């Protein structure tokens, strides 16, 4: 659930993929729910003919089951509005405070067109661009693509804090990959960065200025550092 406005919550009907039986998830999983009495206000016009899940479950014995969970960002708040970026949809939508649903981007080829599937993970959005991570099921590398709204240009990013090269030459994803976007102002972003990442980056001489000074004051067991970014 997301805090949509003074009257309503934006509700997402999630589901767990049960590997032992046929699943019948809700094909229209997005709706507005009244804060006053919990009643349904409206169902958003987003129909997902086939749904994928980040969670799976399988029975392994009497009253026992095992499961998996993948955590990466999908829907996110964009100032007072919302970006709905379901992994089962080829369309990214903007849902505004006046309750208008507008297609923002349409992906080609379709998420349903390949095996393993190539999923989208929305990472940040501003008035000028959106950054999307491409996640191939079974692959650990997550390349970041930036789409510029005005020009339609797509470019691949290489962000220091998203893909890290170990000293032995192997690639490692950093632990500050945002799985849940905070409610923050439009054209702003906020993330948690683990001290271990900053300390390692300092030792590798990849930091400078105030960030380097901060890293020198950290211990590996300190609380995460909050980074707030404001885009021009």
Protein backbone atom coordinates (compact mmCIF):
# COMPACT_ATOMS: atom_id res chain seq x y z
CA UNK A 1 0.00 0.00 0.00
CA UNK A 2 1.07 3.58 -0.74
CA UNK A 3 -0.15 6.77 0.88
CA UNK A 4 -1.87 8.29 -2.17
CA UNK A 5 -3.79 11.33 -0.90
CA UNK A 6 -5.88 12.51 2.05
CA UNK A 7 -8.74 10.23 1.04
CA UNK A 8 -7.20 7.08 -0.40
CA UNK A 9 -4.47 4.47 -0.27
CA UNK A 10 -3.04 3.08 -3.51
CA UNK A 11 -3.36 -0.69 -3.11
CA UNK A 12 -1.41 -3.40 -4.96
CA UNK A 13 -2.72 -6.99 -4.81
CA UNK A 14 0.56 -8.94 -4.69
CA UNK A 15 0.79 -12.72 -4.88
CA UNK A 16 3.21 -15.61 -4.29
CA UNK A 17 3.76 -18.07 -7.14
CA UNK A 18 2.86 -21.52 -5.81
CA UNK A 19 4.90 -24.10 -7.72
CA UNK A 20 2.63 -26.97 -6.63
CA UNK A 21 -0.68 -25.75 -8.01
CA UNK A 22 -2.33 -23.48 -10.54
CA UNK A 23 -2.23 -19.82 -9.57
CA UNK A 24 -5.10 -17.43 -10.20
CA UNK A 25 -3.76 -13.97 -9.34
CA UNK A 26 -5.84 -10.83 -9.72
CA UNK A 27 -5.61 -9.52 -13.32
CA UNK A 28 -6.42 -5.97 -12.20
CA UNK A 29 -4.27 -5.67 -9.08
CA UNK A 30 -4.21 -1.88 -8.62
CA UNK A 31 -6.97 -0.01 -6.82
CA UNK A 32 -7.74 2.92 -4.55
CA UNK A 33 -8.98 2.07 -1.04
CA UNK A 34 -10.74 4.50 1.28
CA UNK A 35 -8.79 5.58 4.35
CA UNK A 36 -12.06 6.27 6.14
CA UNK A 37 -13.72 2.85 6.01
CA UNK A 38 -11.50 0.55 3.88
CA UNK A 39 -14.04 0.37 1.05
CA UNK A 40 -13.04 0.13 -2.60
CA UNK A 41 -13.07 3.52 -4.34
CA UNK A 42 -11.99 2.44 -7.82
CA UNK A 43 -9.95 -0.15 -9.73
CA UNK A 44 -7.21 1.24 -11.97
CA UNK A 45 -7.45 0.39 -15.65
CA UNK A 46 -4.30 -1.76 -15.68
CA UNK A 47 -5.10 -5.27 -16.90
CA UNK A 48 -2.29 -7.83 -16.65
CA UNK A 49 -3.14 -10.91 -18.70
CA UNK A 50 -0.23 -12.88 -17.28
CA UNK A 51 1.41 -12.07 -13.99
CA UNK A 52 4.90 -12.83 -12.70
CA UNK A 53 5.90 -12.81 -9.07
CA UNK A 54 9.06 -11.99 -7.13
CA UNK A 55 8.08 -14.66 -4.59
CA UNK A 56 7.77 -18.44 -5.01
CA UNK A 57 6.69 -21.24 -2.71
CA UNK A 58 6.93 -25.05 -2.88
CA UNK A 59 5.81 -27.76 -0.47
CA UNK A 60 8.68 -29.85 0.92
CA UNK A 61 6.76 -31.97 3.42
CA UNK A 62 3.77 -32.08 5.76
CA UNK A 63 3.12 -28.51 6.93
CA UNK A 64 6.45 -27.42 5.48
CA UNK A 65 7.33 -25.27 2.51
CA UNK A 66 10.34 -23.46 1.06
CA UNK A 67 10.42 -20.34 -1.03
CA UNK A 68 12.43 -17.63 -2.75
CA UNK A 69 12.18 -13.85 -2.68
CA UNK A 70 13.70 -11.37 -5.13
CA UNK A 71 13.72 -7.76 -4.00
CA UNK A 72 14.07 -4.96 -6.50
CA UNK A 73 12.17 -1.72 -7.11
CA UNK A 74 9.00 -1.59 -9.18
CA UNK A 75 6.40 1.04 -8.30
CA UNK A 76 7.70 4.31 -6.93
CA UNK A 77 6.47 7.65 -5.70
CA UNK A 78 7.25 10.64 -7.93
CA UNK A 79 6.64 13.65 -5.74
CA UNK A 80 2.87 13.57 -5.11
CA UNK A 81 2.33 11.24 -8.11
CA UNK A 82 3.25 7.60 -8.71
CA UNK A 83 5.08 5.59 -11.34
CA UNK A 84 3.48 2.16 -11.72
CA UNK A 85 6.10 -0.18 -13.18
CA UNK A 86 4.80 -3.70 -12.73
CA UNK A 87 7.18 -6.49 -13.79
CA UNK A 88 4.25 -8.16 -15.59
CA UNK A 89 3.49 -5.11 -17.74
CA UNK A 90 5.12 -3.77 -20.89
CA UNK A 91 3.87 -0.27 -20.04
CA UNK A 92 5.09 2.09 -17.34
CA UNK A 93 2.31 4.37 -16.14
CA UNK A 94 2.17 7.74 -14.41
CA UNK A 95 -0.70 7.96 -11.92
CA UNK A 96 -1.30 11.55 -10.88
CA UNK A 97 -3.02 13.17 -7.92
CA UNK A 98 -6.04 14.02 -10.08
CA UNK A 99 -6.35 10.23 -10.61
CA UNK A 100 -5.36 10.23 -14.25
CA UNK A 101 -3.47 7.18 -15.55
CA UNK A 102 -1.10 7.97 -18.42
CA UNK A 103 1.29 5.61 -20.27
CA UNK A 104 4.83 6.83 -19.68
CA UNK A 105 6.92 4.26 -21.58
CA UNK A 106 6.19 1.08 -23.55
CA UNK A 107 8.88 -1.57 -23.76
CA UNK A 108 9.76 -3.59 -26.86
CA UNK A 109 10.20 -6.52 -27.08
CA UNK A 110 7.56 -7.60 -24.60
CA UNK A 111 8.43 -9.01 -21.19
CA UNK A 112 6.46 -12.09 -22.27
CA UNK A 113 8.55 -12.62 -25.42
CA UNK A 114 11.68 -14.25 -24.01
CA UNK A 115 12.89 -16.95 -21.65
CA UNK A 116 14.46 -16.18 -19.30
CA UNK A 117 12.44 -12.98 -18.94
CA UNK A 118 14.04 -9.57 -19.01
CA UNK A 119 12.45 -7.53 -16.21
CA UNK A 120 12.44 -3.79 -15.58
CA UNK A 121 13.40 -2.26 -12.24
CA UNK A 122 12.69 1.45 -11.93
CA UNK A 123 15.45 3.17 -9.99
CA UNK A 124 14.87 6.91 -10.20
CA UNK A 125 12.86 9.41 -12.17
CA UNK A 126 13.03 13.16 -12.74
CA UNK A 127 11.27 15.60 -15.07
CA UNK A 128 14.06 15.03 -17.61
CA UNK A 129 14.84 11.30 -17.46
CA UNK A 130 14.10 7.91 -15.95
CA UNK A 131 16.69 5.28 -14.95
CA UNK A 132 15.69 1.63 -15.34
CA UNK A 133 17.63 -1.47 -14.37
CA UNK A 134 17.39 -4.52 -16.67
CA UNK A 135 17.18 -7.77 -14.73
CA UNK A 136 17.49 -11.06 -16.59
CA UNK A 137 16.12 -13.93 -14.52
CA UNK A 138 19.07 -15.99 -13.32
CA UNK A 139 21.61 -13.22 -13.99
CA UNK A 140 23.34 -11.19 -11.31
CA UNK A 141 24.37 -8.21 -13.43
CA UNK A 142 21.91 -5.33 -13.62
CA UNK A 143 22.80 -2.79 -16.35
CA UNK A 144 21.19 0.62 -15.93
CA UNK A 145 19.53 2.43 -18.83
CA UNK A 146 18.68 6.14 -18.84
CA UNK A 147 15.81 7.32 -21.05
CA UNK A 148 15.57 11.06 -21.73
CA UNK A 149 11.96 12.18 -22.16
CA UNK A 150 12.61 15.21 -24.37
CA UNK A 151 14.96 13.57 -26.88
CA UNK A 152 13.97 9.90 -26.61
CA UNK A 153 17.67 9.04 -26.25
CA UNK A 154 18.56 5.81 -24.42
CA UNK A 155 22.02 5.35 -22.92
CA UNK A 156 23.58 2.74 -20.67
CA UNK A 157 24.96 3.95 -17.36
CA UNK A 158 27.80 2.63 -15.26
CA UNK A 159 27.21 3.85 -11.73
CA UNK A 160 29.91 3.43 -9.12
CA UNK A 161 27.45 2.64 -6.34
CA UNK A 162 25.47 0.05 -8.33
CA UNK A 163 28.11 -2.23 -9.83
CA UNK A 164 31.36 -2.71 -7.95
CA UNK A 165 34.54 -4.43 -9.12
CA UNK A 166 36.34 -6.42 -6.44
CA UNK A 167 40.11 -6.30 -6.21
CA UNK A 168 40.26 -9.79 -7.75
CA UNK A 169 38.51 -8.48 -10.87
CA UNK A 170 35.09 -10.08 -10.28
CA UNK A 171 31.89 -8.04 -10.30
CA UNK A 172 29.73 -7.53 -7.23
CA UNK A 173 26.50 -5.62 -6.76
CA UNK A 174 26.63 -3.15 -3.93
CA UNK A 175 24.21 -3.62 -1.04
CA UNK A 176 22.63 -0.16 -1.33
CA UNK A 177 20.55 -1.05 -4.41
CA UNK A 178 17.20 0.58 -3.52
CA UNK A 179 14.46 -2.03 -3.13
CA UNK A 180 11.91 0.40 -1.69
CA UNK A 181 11.74 4.03 -2.76
CA UNK A 182 11.12 6.55 0.01
CA UNK A 183 8.36 9.14 -0.23
CA UNK A 184 10.36 12.22 -1.17
CA UNK A 185 9.94 15.41 -3.15
CA UNK A 186 9.76 15.54 -6.95
CA UNK A 187 13.21 15.54 -8.61
CA UNK A 188 14.76 14.28 -5.39
CA UNK A 189 16.15 10.89 -4.48
CA UNK A 190 17.22 9.28 -1.22
CA UNK A 191 19.12 6.07 -0.52
CA UNK A 192 20.91 4.24 2.25
CA UNK A 193 24.60 3.46 1.75
CA UNK A 194 26.30 0.90 3.98
CA UNK A 195 29.52 2.13 5.67
CA UNK A 196 31.46 -0.88 4.38
CA UNK A 197 30.92 0.30 0.80
CA UNK A 198 32.17 3.82 1.53
CA UNK A 199 35.16 2.51 3.48
CA UNK A 200 36.15 0.16 0.64
CA UNK A 201 35.71 2.95 -1.93
CA UNK A 202 37.90 5.24 0.19
CA UNK A 203 40.64 2.60 0.42
CA UNK A 204 40.54 2.25 -3.36
CA UNK A 205 40.90 6.07 -3.69
CA UNK A 206 37.54 6.42 -5.44
CA UNK A 207 36.23 9.18 -3.13
CA UNK A 208 37.05 12.86 -2.73
CA UNK A 209 35.87 15.98 -0.92
CA UNK A 210 33.20 15.78 1.77
CA UNK A 211 32.38 12.15 0.98
CA UNK A 212 35.98 11.13 1.62
CA UNK A 213 35.97 13.05 4.92
CA UNK A 214 32.78 11.27 5.92
CA UNK A 215 34.18 7.84 5.04
CA UNK A 216 37.24 8.47 7.23
CA UNK A 217 34.94 8.99 10.22
CA UNK A 218 32.99 5.74 9.73
CA UNK A 219 33.34 2.33 11.33
CA UNK A 220 32.15 -0.78 9.50
CA UNK A 221 29.41 -1.41 12.13
CA UNK A 222 27.96 2.12 11.98
CA UNK A 223 24.41 2.77 10.81
CA UNK A 224 23.88 3.31 7.06
CA UNK A 225 24.52 6.76 5.64
CA UNK A 226 21.54 8.60 4.13
CA UNK A 227 22.30 10.13 0.75
CA UNK A 228 19.87 12.75 -0.59
CA UNK A 229 20.19 13.85 -4.21
CA UNK A 230 18.43 16.83 -5.78
CA UNK A 231 18.36 16.86 -9.59
CA UNK A 232 18.52 20.20 -11.41
